[in-house]
Amino acid sequence: MSREAFHLLLERYLENRCTDEEKEIVKKWYGMLDKQDIQDAGTAEINALEEKLWERIHGEVIPDQHEVLVTDLKPIVRFSRMLRFSAAAVLAGLVLTVGYLFFVNNGSKSELKSFVLSNDVKQYINADQKPVTIKLEDGSLVTLQPKAVLKYPIHFSDSLREVSLEGEGFFEISKNPLKPFLVYNKNVITRVVGTSFIVKTAHNKTEVIVKTGKVIVSPNSSKLNIKDLLKSDDGVVLTPNQKTVYNAIDNTFATSLVDQPLSIDLKTPKAQVKESYVFNDTPVADVLGQLQKSYGIEFIVDNKELYNYTFTGDLSEQNLYSQLDFLCESIKASYSVKGTKIIISTKE
């Protein structure tokens, strides 16, 4: 059992949300401490007392540097004394030693709360110098960059798929509308049904980049209720070739297009894609319509007179911005990126 799971189970006990089995586990844990230890514990001794309880529960464990078991709902604990005082005394000690630790420890996030206590959870640390791909139970793939850490359950719950990420990872999520997929990190929660996207965190900033599909990114708050989150569309909605950067210091999102937008016609044969970029006296509206379909980006023409132009040329084998340079030059226009949209204007 990890420290994180340890704290979360104690929180559930304080909120009276434990199963009977979990309650019995917590009571047995506190039966491992001397009564005098709890009665004499003040603020200065809380850390030492919690450390003593952790050591008696967990013992000495040295995890593998790659994949380790994070938690088990039915831990095998060693104890020499059973309950030596009443449940009331146990709860009083629990509030003193654990409630303080859990709630003043920099504001605990909602990370892993749903699955860490109900499933065996693994942790993978990419200690290699190259990306490593992990396949999850549902067939989803997560490609971890060096030093990234992924926590994931051996078995997902019946209604939700949840993982936790530190560092950078590329997700390719199997579609399942009945089972939303949540990616937690210390700053945000990313919600998806079936899509591919990148999440990367550095200190107080987290960047989410969408390649295919749609995701909703919300701040990860200690007061967050996952059930309420799943029922709402609150957060930043991202579609292909869009990204957002969340700044935890001022609780803001900065949303824009990615630096190099890529075509989302992944299932279309290359020959057909190339042909779709060859135009012969084609109305500008149709050219922009093809680009919007290919990249999933909204184009706005601020001068309708530009629709009177036609375009002839081959835009294949070029990136989006080169295509726009070629198109705009031929119709005497210019373009600018505003947020997640591209504005086409008459050249002044």
Protein backbone atom coordinates (compact mmCIF):
# COMPACT_ATOMS: atom_id res chain seq x y z
CA MET A 1 0.00 0.00 0.00
CA SER A 2 1.30 3.47 -0.93
CA ARG A 3 1.35 6.53 1.33
CA GLU A 4 -1.24 8.09 -0.99
CA ALA A 5 -3.64 5.17 -0.60
CA PHE A 6 -3.01 5.20 3.16
CA HIS A 7 -4.08 8.85 3.48
CA LEU A 8 -7.05 8.42 1.16
CA LEU A 9 -8.45 5.49 3.10
CA LEU A 10 -8.15 7.45 6.34
CA GLU A 11 -9.97 10.37 4.71
CA ARG A 12 -12.81 8.06 3.71
CA TYR A 13 -12.99 6.87 7.33
CA LEU A 14 -13.25 10.44 8.60
CA GLU A 15 -16.06 11.17 6.14
CA ASN A 16 -17.85 7.95 7.09
CA ARG A 17 -17.64 6.64 3.51
CA CYS A 18 -15.78 3.39 4.23
CA THR A 19 -17.18 -0.07 3.72
CA ASP A 20 -17.47 -2.28 6.79
CA GLU A 21 -14.33 -4.10 5.66
CA GLU A 22 -12.38 -0.84 5.31
CA LYS A 23 -13.57 0.37 8.73
CA GLU A 24 -12.29 -2.84 10.29
CA ILE A 25 -8.92 -2.35 8.61
CA VAL A 26 -8.57 1.19 9.98
CA LYS A 27 -9.52 0.09 13.49
CA LYS A 28 -6.95 -2.68 13.38
CA TRP A 29 -4.31 -0.20 12.26
CA TYR A 30 -4.89 1.95 15.32
CA GLY A 31 -4.90 -1.14 17.47
CA MET A 32 -1.26 -1.43 16.51
CA LEU A 33 -0.42 1.78 18.40
CA ASP A 34 -0.10 2.17 22.13
CA LYS A 35 -2.98 4.11 23.68
CA GLN A 36 -0.51 6.42 25.38
CA ASP A 37 0.98 7.31 22.00
CA ILE A 38 -2.30 8.79 20.83
CA GLN A 39 -3.23 10.52 24.06
CA ASP A 40 0.14 12.28 24.31
CA ALA A 41 0.30 13.33 20.64
CA GLY A 42 0.42 17.07 20.07
CA THR A 43 1.04 19.01 16.89
CA ALA A 44 4.79 18.62 17.20
CA GLU A 45 4.53 14.84 17.58
CA ILE A 46 1.96 14.21 14.84
CA ASN A 47 4.49 13.50 12.12
CA ALA A 48 6.38 11.06 14.33
CA LEU A 49 3.18 9.27 15.35
CA GLU A 50 1.97 8.99 11.77
CA GLU A 51 5.39 7.67 10.76
CA LYS A 52 5.21 5.04 13.49
CA LEU A 53 1.78 3.88 12.31
CA TRP A 54 2.93 3.76 8.69
CA GLU A 55 5.99 1.70 9.56
CA ARG A 56 3.95 -0.80 11.53
CA ILE A 57 1.44 -1.17 8.71
CA HIS A 58 3.78 -1.18 5.77
CA GLY A 59 7.10 -2.52 7.02
CA GLU A 60 10.21 -2.08 4.94
CA VAL A 61 9.40 -2.19 1.20
CA ILE A 62 11.83 -1.39 -1.61
CA PRO A 63 9.90 -0.88 -4.88
CA ASP A 64 11.22 -1.76 -8.29
CA GLN A 65 12.28 1.36 -10.22
CA HIS A 66 9.88 0.56 -13.05
CA GLU A 67 6.54 -1.08 -12.25
CA VAL A 68 5.34 -1.50 -8.70
CA LEU A 69 2.07 -2.29 -6.97
CA VAL A 70 0.68 0.89 -5.44
CA THR A 71 -2.17 -0.42 -3.33
CA ASP A 72 -4.20 -3.47 -2.47
CA LEU A 73 -7.67 -3.30 -0.95
CA LYS A 74 -6.94 -6.28 1.28
CA PRO A 75 -3.49 -5.58 2.68
CA ILE A 76 -1.82 -8.23 4.82
CA VAL A 77 -0.85 -6.37 7.96
CA ARG A 78 1.23 -7.60 10.85
CA PHE A 79 0.03 -6.67 14.31
CA SER A 80 0.71 -8.08 17.75
CA ARG A 81 -2.16 -6.34 19.55
CA MET A 82 -5.82 -6.23 18.54
CA LEU A 83 -8.20 -3.46 19.52
CA ARG A 84 -7.14 -2.29 22.98
CA PHE A 85 -9.59 0.52 23.35
CA SER A 86 -13.04 1.44 22.14
CA ALA A 87 -14.01 2.64 18.67
CA ALA A 88 -14.55 6.12 20.09
CA ALA A 89 -11.00 6.30 21.31
CA VAL A 90 -9.78 5.05 17.94
CA LEU A 91 -11.74 7.74 16.12
CA ALA A 92 -10.46 10.45 18.47
CA GLY A 93 -6.90 9.41 17.77
CA LEU A 94 -7.64 9.23 14.08
CA VAL A 95 -8.98 12.78 13.95
CA LEU A 96 -5.97 14.07 15.87
CA THR A 97 -3.22 12.36 13.96
CA VAL A 98 -4.58 11.87 10.45
CA GLY A 99 -7.20 14.57 9.96
CA TYR A 100 -4.59 17.22 10.67
CA LEU A 101 -2.00 15.66 8.41
CA PHE A 102 -4.34 15.09 5.49
CA PHE A 103 -6.14 18.41 5.38
CA VAL A 104 -3.19 20.76 6.04
CA ASN A 105 -0.80 19.06 3.67
CA ASN A 106 -0.93 21.77 0.97
CA GLY A 107 -4.53 21.06 0.03
CA SER A 108 -4.86 17.48 -1.18
CA LYS A 109 -5.92 17.06 -4.79
CA SER A 110 -8.67 14.74 -6.03
CA GLU A 111 -6.11 12.60 -7.84
CA LEU A 112 -6.88 8.87 -7.78
CA LYS A 113 -9.58 9.10 -5.14
CA SER A 114 -12.06 6.96 -7.03
CA PHE A 115 -9.93 4.03 -8.05
CA VAL A 116 -6.97 3.91 -5.69
CA LEU A 117 -9.05 2.41 -2.91
CA SER A 118 -11.07 -0.03 -4.99
CA ASN A 119 -8.55 -1.65 -7.31
CA ASP A 120 -4.99 -2.84 -7.39
CA VAL A 121 -3.00 0.03 -8.83
CA LYS A 122 0.33 -0.14 -10.62
CA GLN A 123 2.95 2.53 -11.02
CA TYR A 124 5.36 2.69 -13.96
CA ILE A 125 8.37 5.00 -13.92
CA ASN A 126 10.10 5.47 -17.25
CA ALA A 127 13.73 5.35 -16.16
CA ASP A 128 14.91 4.85 -19.75
CA GLN A 129 16.26 7.53 -22.07
CA LYS A 130 13.60 6.87 -24.71
CA PRO A 131 9.78 6.76 -24.74
CA VAL A 132 8.06 3.64 -23.40
CA THR A 133 4.51 2.55 -24.32
CA ILE A 134 2.15 1.03 -21.73
CA LYS A 135 -0.98 -0.88 -22.78
CA LEU A 136 -3.91 -0.56 -20.42
CA GLU A 137 -6.65 -3.11 -19.74
CA ASP A 138 -9.08 -1.53 -22.23
CA GLY A 139 -6.52 -1.47 -25.04
CA SER A 140 -5.65 2.20 -24.60
CA LEU A 141 -1.98 3.08 -25.10
CA VAL A 142 0.09 5.55 -23.11
CA THR A 143 3.53 6.54 -24.39
CA LEU A 144 5.62 7.88 -21.52
CA GLN A 145 8.52 10.24 -22.08
CA PRO A 146 11.68 9.78 -19.96
CA LYS A 147 11.13 10.39 -16.23
CA ALA A 148 7.34 10.30 -16.64
CA VAL A 149 5.32 8.36 -14.06
CA LEU A 150 2.00 6.61 -14.77
CA LYS A 151 -0.34 5.16 -12.13
CA TYR A 152 -3.12 2.95 -13.44
CA PRO A 153 -5.47 0.24 -12.16
CA ILE A 154 -5.09 -3.38 -13.13
CA HIS A 155 -8.87 -3.37 -13.68
CA PHE A 156 -10.96 -0.30 -14.44
CA SER A 157 -14.24 0.23 -12.60
CA ASP A 158 -17.58 -0.50 -14.28
CA SER A 159 -18.30 3.17 -15.01
CA LEU A 160 -14.99 5.00 -15.21
CA ARG A 161 -11.40 4.73 -16.46
CA GLU A 162 -8.87 6.70 -14.41
CA VAL A 163 -5.10 7.10 -14.48
CA SER A 164 -2.59 9.52 -13.02
CA LEU A 165 0.37 11.07 -14.84
CA GLU A 166 3.48 12.94 -13.77
CA GLY A 167 5.64 14.37 -16.56
CA GLU A 168 4.73 13.92 -20.24
CA GLY A 169 2.65 11.21 -21.88
CA PHE A 170 0.85 10.66 -25.20
CA PHE A 171 -2.54 8.96 -24.83
CA GLU A 172 -4.38 6.92 -27.47
CA ILE A 173 -7.69 6.09 -25.83
CA SER A 174 -9.98 3.24 -26.89
CA LYS A 175 -13.50 4.52 -27.55
CA ASN A 176 -16.10 3.65 -24.96
CA PRO A 177 -18.89 6.27 -24.56
CA LEU A 178 -20.18 4.49 -21.46
CA LYS A 179 -16.82 4.68 -19.69
CA PRO A 180 -15.24 8.15 -19.68
CA PHE A 181 -11.45 8.27 -19.35
CA LEU A 182 -9.88 10.66 -16.82
CA VAL A 183 -6.22 11.64 -16.68
CA TYR A 184 -5.18 13.28 -13.42
CA ASN A 185 -2.10 15.31 -12.69
CA LYS A 186 -1.37 17.78 -9.92
CA ASN A 187 -2.83 20.70 -11.88
CA VAL A 188 -5.66 19.49 -14.13
CA ILE A 189 -8.03 16.65 -14.96
CA THR A 190 -8.44 15.74 -18.64
CA ARG A 191 -11.70 14.00 -19.65
CA VAL A 192 -12.10 11.97 -22.85
CA VAL A 193 -14.20 9.20 -24.40
CA GLY A 194 -11.98 8.17 -27.29
CA THR A 195 -9.18 10.29 -28.66
CA SER A 196 -5.43 10.86 -28.77
CA PHE A 197 -3.72 13.69 -26.93
CA ILE A 198 -0.60 14.76 -25.06
CA VAL A 199 -0.40 15.84 -21.43
CA LYS A 200 2.81 17.33 -20.08
CA THR A 201 3.50 19.09 -16.80
CA ALA A 202 6.40 21.21 -15.64
CA HIS A 203 6.11 22.73 -12.17
CA ASN A 204 2.96 24.88 -12.02
CA LYS A 205 2.02 24.58 -15.70
CA THR A 206 0.28 21.76 -17.54
CA GLU A 207 -0.13 21.63 -21.31
CA VAL A 208 -2.76 19.47 -23.05
CA ILE A 209 -2.50 19.00 -26.83
CA VAL A 210 -5.24 17.22 -28.81
CA LYS A 211 -4.41 15.19 -31.91
CA THR A 212 -7.80 13.54 -32.54
CA GLY A 213 -11.22 13.61 -30.87
CA LYS A 214 -12.26 15.97 -28.10
CA VAL A 215 -11.24 16.48 -24.47
CA ILE A 216 -12.36 18.71 -21.61
CA VAL A 217 -9.69 20.05 -19.27
CA SER A 218 -10.59 21.22 -15.75
CA PRO A 219 -8.50 22.42 -12.79
CA ASN A 220 -7.73 19.66 -10.28
CA SER A 221 -9.18 20.97 -7.02
CA SER A 222 -9.30 19.37 -3.60
CA LYS A 223 -13.01 20.26 -3.49
CA LEU A 224 -13.74 18.65 -6.85
CA ASN A 225 -16.56 16.10 -6.96
CA ILE A 226 -15.92 13.62 -9.77
CA LYS A 227 -19.62 12.79 -10.21
CA ASP A 228 -20.49 16.46 -10.69
CA LEU A 229 -17.55 16.88 -13.04
CA LEU A 230 -18.75 14.08 -15.32
CA LYS A 231 -22.23 15.58 -15.55
CA SER A 232 -21.06 19.01 -16.65
CA ASP A 233 -19.14 20.52 -19.55
CA ASP A 234 -17.29 22.97 -17.34
CA GLY A 235 -13.69 23.39 -18.40
CA VAL A 236 -11.77 24.10 -21.58
CA VAL A 237 -13.02 22.06 -24.56
CA LEU A 238 -10.27 21.09 -26.99
CA THR A 239 -10.60 19.59 -30.48
CA PRO A 240 -7.88 18.46 -32.94
CA ASN A 241 -4.90 20.79 -33.37
CA GLN A 242 -5.83 22.79 -30.27
CA LYS A 243 -3.92 23.08 -27.03
CA THR A 244 -4.31 24.73 -23.67
CA VAL A 245 -1.79 25.65 -20.99
CA TYR A 246 -3.04 25.78 -17.41
CA ASN A 247 -1.21 27.99 -14.93
CA ALA A 248 -1.85 26.76 -11.39
CA ILE A 249 -0.50 29.95 -9.81
CA ASP A 250 -3.23 32.22 -11.17
CA ASN A 251 -5.74 29.46 -12.11
CA THR A 252 -5.93 30.44 -15.79
CA PHE A 253 -6.03 28.66 -19.14
CA ALA A 254 -4.35 29.93 -22.33
CA THR A 255 -5.90 28.16 -25.33
CA SER A 256 -4.57 28.30 -28.89
CA LEU A 257 -3.72 26.28 -31.98
CA VAL A 258 -0.74 23.95 -31.87
CA ASP A 259 2.48 25.22 -33.42
CA GLN A 260 2.30 22.83 -36.38
CA PRO A 261 -1.27 21.67 -37.14
CA LEU A 262 -1.51 18.18 -38.66
CA SER A 263 -4.13 16.67 -40.94
CA ILE A 264 -6.80 14.65 -39.14
CA ASP A 265 -7.65 12.61 -42.26
CA LEU A 266 -5.83 9.64 -40.77
CA LYS A 267 -8.02 6.99 -42.43
CA THR A 268 -7.96 8.57 -45.90
CA PRO A 269 -5.47 7.02 -48.38
CA LYS A 270 -2.48 9.26 -49.11
CA ALA A 271 -3.27 9.40 -52.83
CA GLN A 272 -6.77 10.64 -52.10
CA VAL A 273 -5.48 13.22 -49.59
CA LYS A 274 -2.99 14.54 -52.13
CA GLU A 275 -5.69 14.80 -54.79
CA SER A 276 -7.94 16.79 -52.43
CA TYR A 277 -5.28 19.53 -52.26
CA VAL A 278 -5.07 20.05 -56.03
CA PHE A 279 -7.35 22.89 -57.10
CA ASN A 280 -8.29 24.19 -60.57
CA ASP A 281 -10.17 27.47 -60.68
CA THR A 282 -11.83 26.49 -57.39
CA PRO A 283 -13.87 29.03 -55.36
CA VAL A 284 -12.03 30.27 -52.28
CA ALA A 285 -14.90 29.09 -50.06
CA ASP A 286 -14.35 25.52 -51.28
CA VAL A 287 -10.58 25.71 -50.74
CA LEU A 288 -11.03 26.90 -47.18
CA GLY A 289 -13.72 24.28 -46.65
CA GLN A 290 -11.23 21.57 -47.63
CA LEU A 291 -8.60 22.95 -45.26
CA GLN A 292 -11.12 23.16 -42.43
CA LYS A 293 -12.13 19.54 -43.02
CA SER A 294 -8.52 18.38 -43.16
CA TYR A 295 -7.32 20.15 -40.01
CA GLY A 296 -10.49 20.58 -37.95
CA ILE A 297 -9.74 24.29 -37.65
CA GLU A 298 -12.32 27.06 -38.09
CA PHE A 299 -11.54 29.67 -40.76
CA ILE A 300 -13.21 33.08 -40.67
CA VAL A 301 -13.21 35.40 -43.70
CA ASP A 302 -13.70 38.97 -42.52
CA ASN A 303 -14.25 40.40 -46.03
CA LYS A 304 -16.89 38.51 -47.99
CA GLU A 305 -15.54 39.95 -51.25
CA LEU A 306 -12.73 37.39 -51.02
CA TYR A 307 -15.31 34.74 -51.84
CA ASN A 308 -15.42 36.17 -55.37
CA TYR A 309 -11.90 34.82 -56.01
CA THR A 310 -10.96 31.40 -57.28
CA PHE A 311 -7.74 29.49 -56.72
CA THR A 312 -5.62 27.27 -58.95
CA GLY A 313 -2.68 25.40 -57.50
CA ASP A 314 -1.29 22.31 -55.76
CA LEU A 315 -1.22 22.59 -51.97
CA SER A 316 -0.24 18.99 -51.30
CA GLU A 317 3.06 18.13 -49.59
CA GLN A 318 2.95 21.40 -47.64
CA ASN A 319 2.12 22.19 -44.02
CA LEU A 320 -0.94 24.29 -43.20
CA TYR A 321 0.81 27.62 -42.87
CA SER A 322 2.66 27.16 -46.18
CA GLN A 323 -0.67 26.33 -47.81
CA LEU A 324 -2.18 29.50 -46.41
CA ASP A 325 0.80 31.57 -47.57
CA PHE A 326 0.32 30.27 -51.11
CA LEU A 327 -3.46 30.75 -51.09
CA CYS A 328 -3.40 34.24 -49.58
CA GLU A 329 -0.70 35.44 -51.93
CA SER A 330 -2.80 34.45 -54.93
CA ILE A 331 -5.98 36.20 -53.74
CA LYS A 332 -4.21 39.25 -52.27
CA ALA A 333 -5.12 38.41 -48.69
CA SER A 334 -3.41 37.74 -45.37
CA TYR A 335 -4.15 35.51 -42.38
CA SER A 336 -3.71 35.67 -38.64
CA VAL A 337 -4.21 33.19 -35.80
CA LYS A 338 -6.63 34.32 -33.08
CA GLY A 339 -6.94 31.77 -30.31
CA THR A 340 -8.10 28.54 -31.99
CA LYS A 341 -9.31 30.20 -35.21
CA ILE A 342 -7.63 31.51 -38.36
CA ILE A 343 -8.80 34.85 -39.74
CA ILE A 344 -8.51 35.55 -43.50
CA SER A 345 -8.36 39.29 -44.26
CA THR A 346 -7.93 41.51 -47.29
CA LYS A 347 -4.30 42.55 -47.59
CA GLU A 348 -3.87 46.24 -46.85
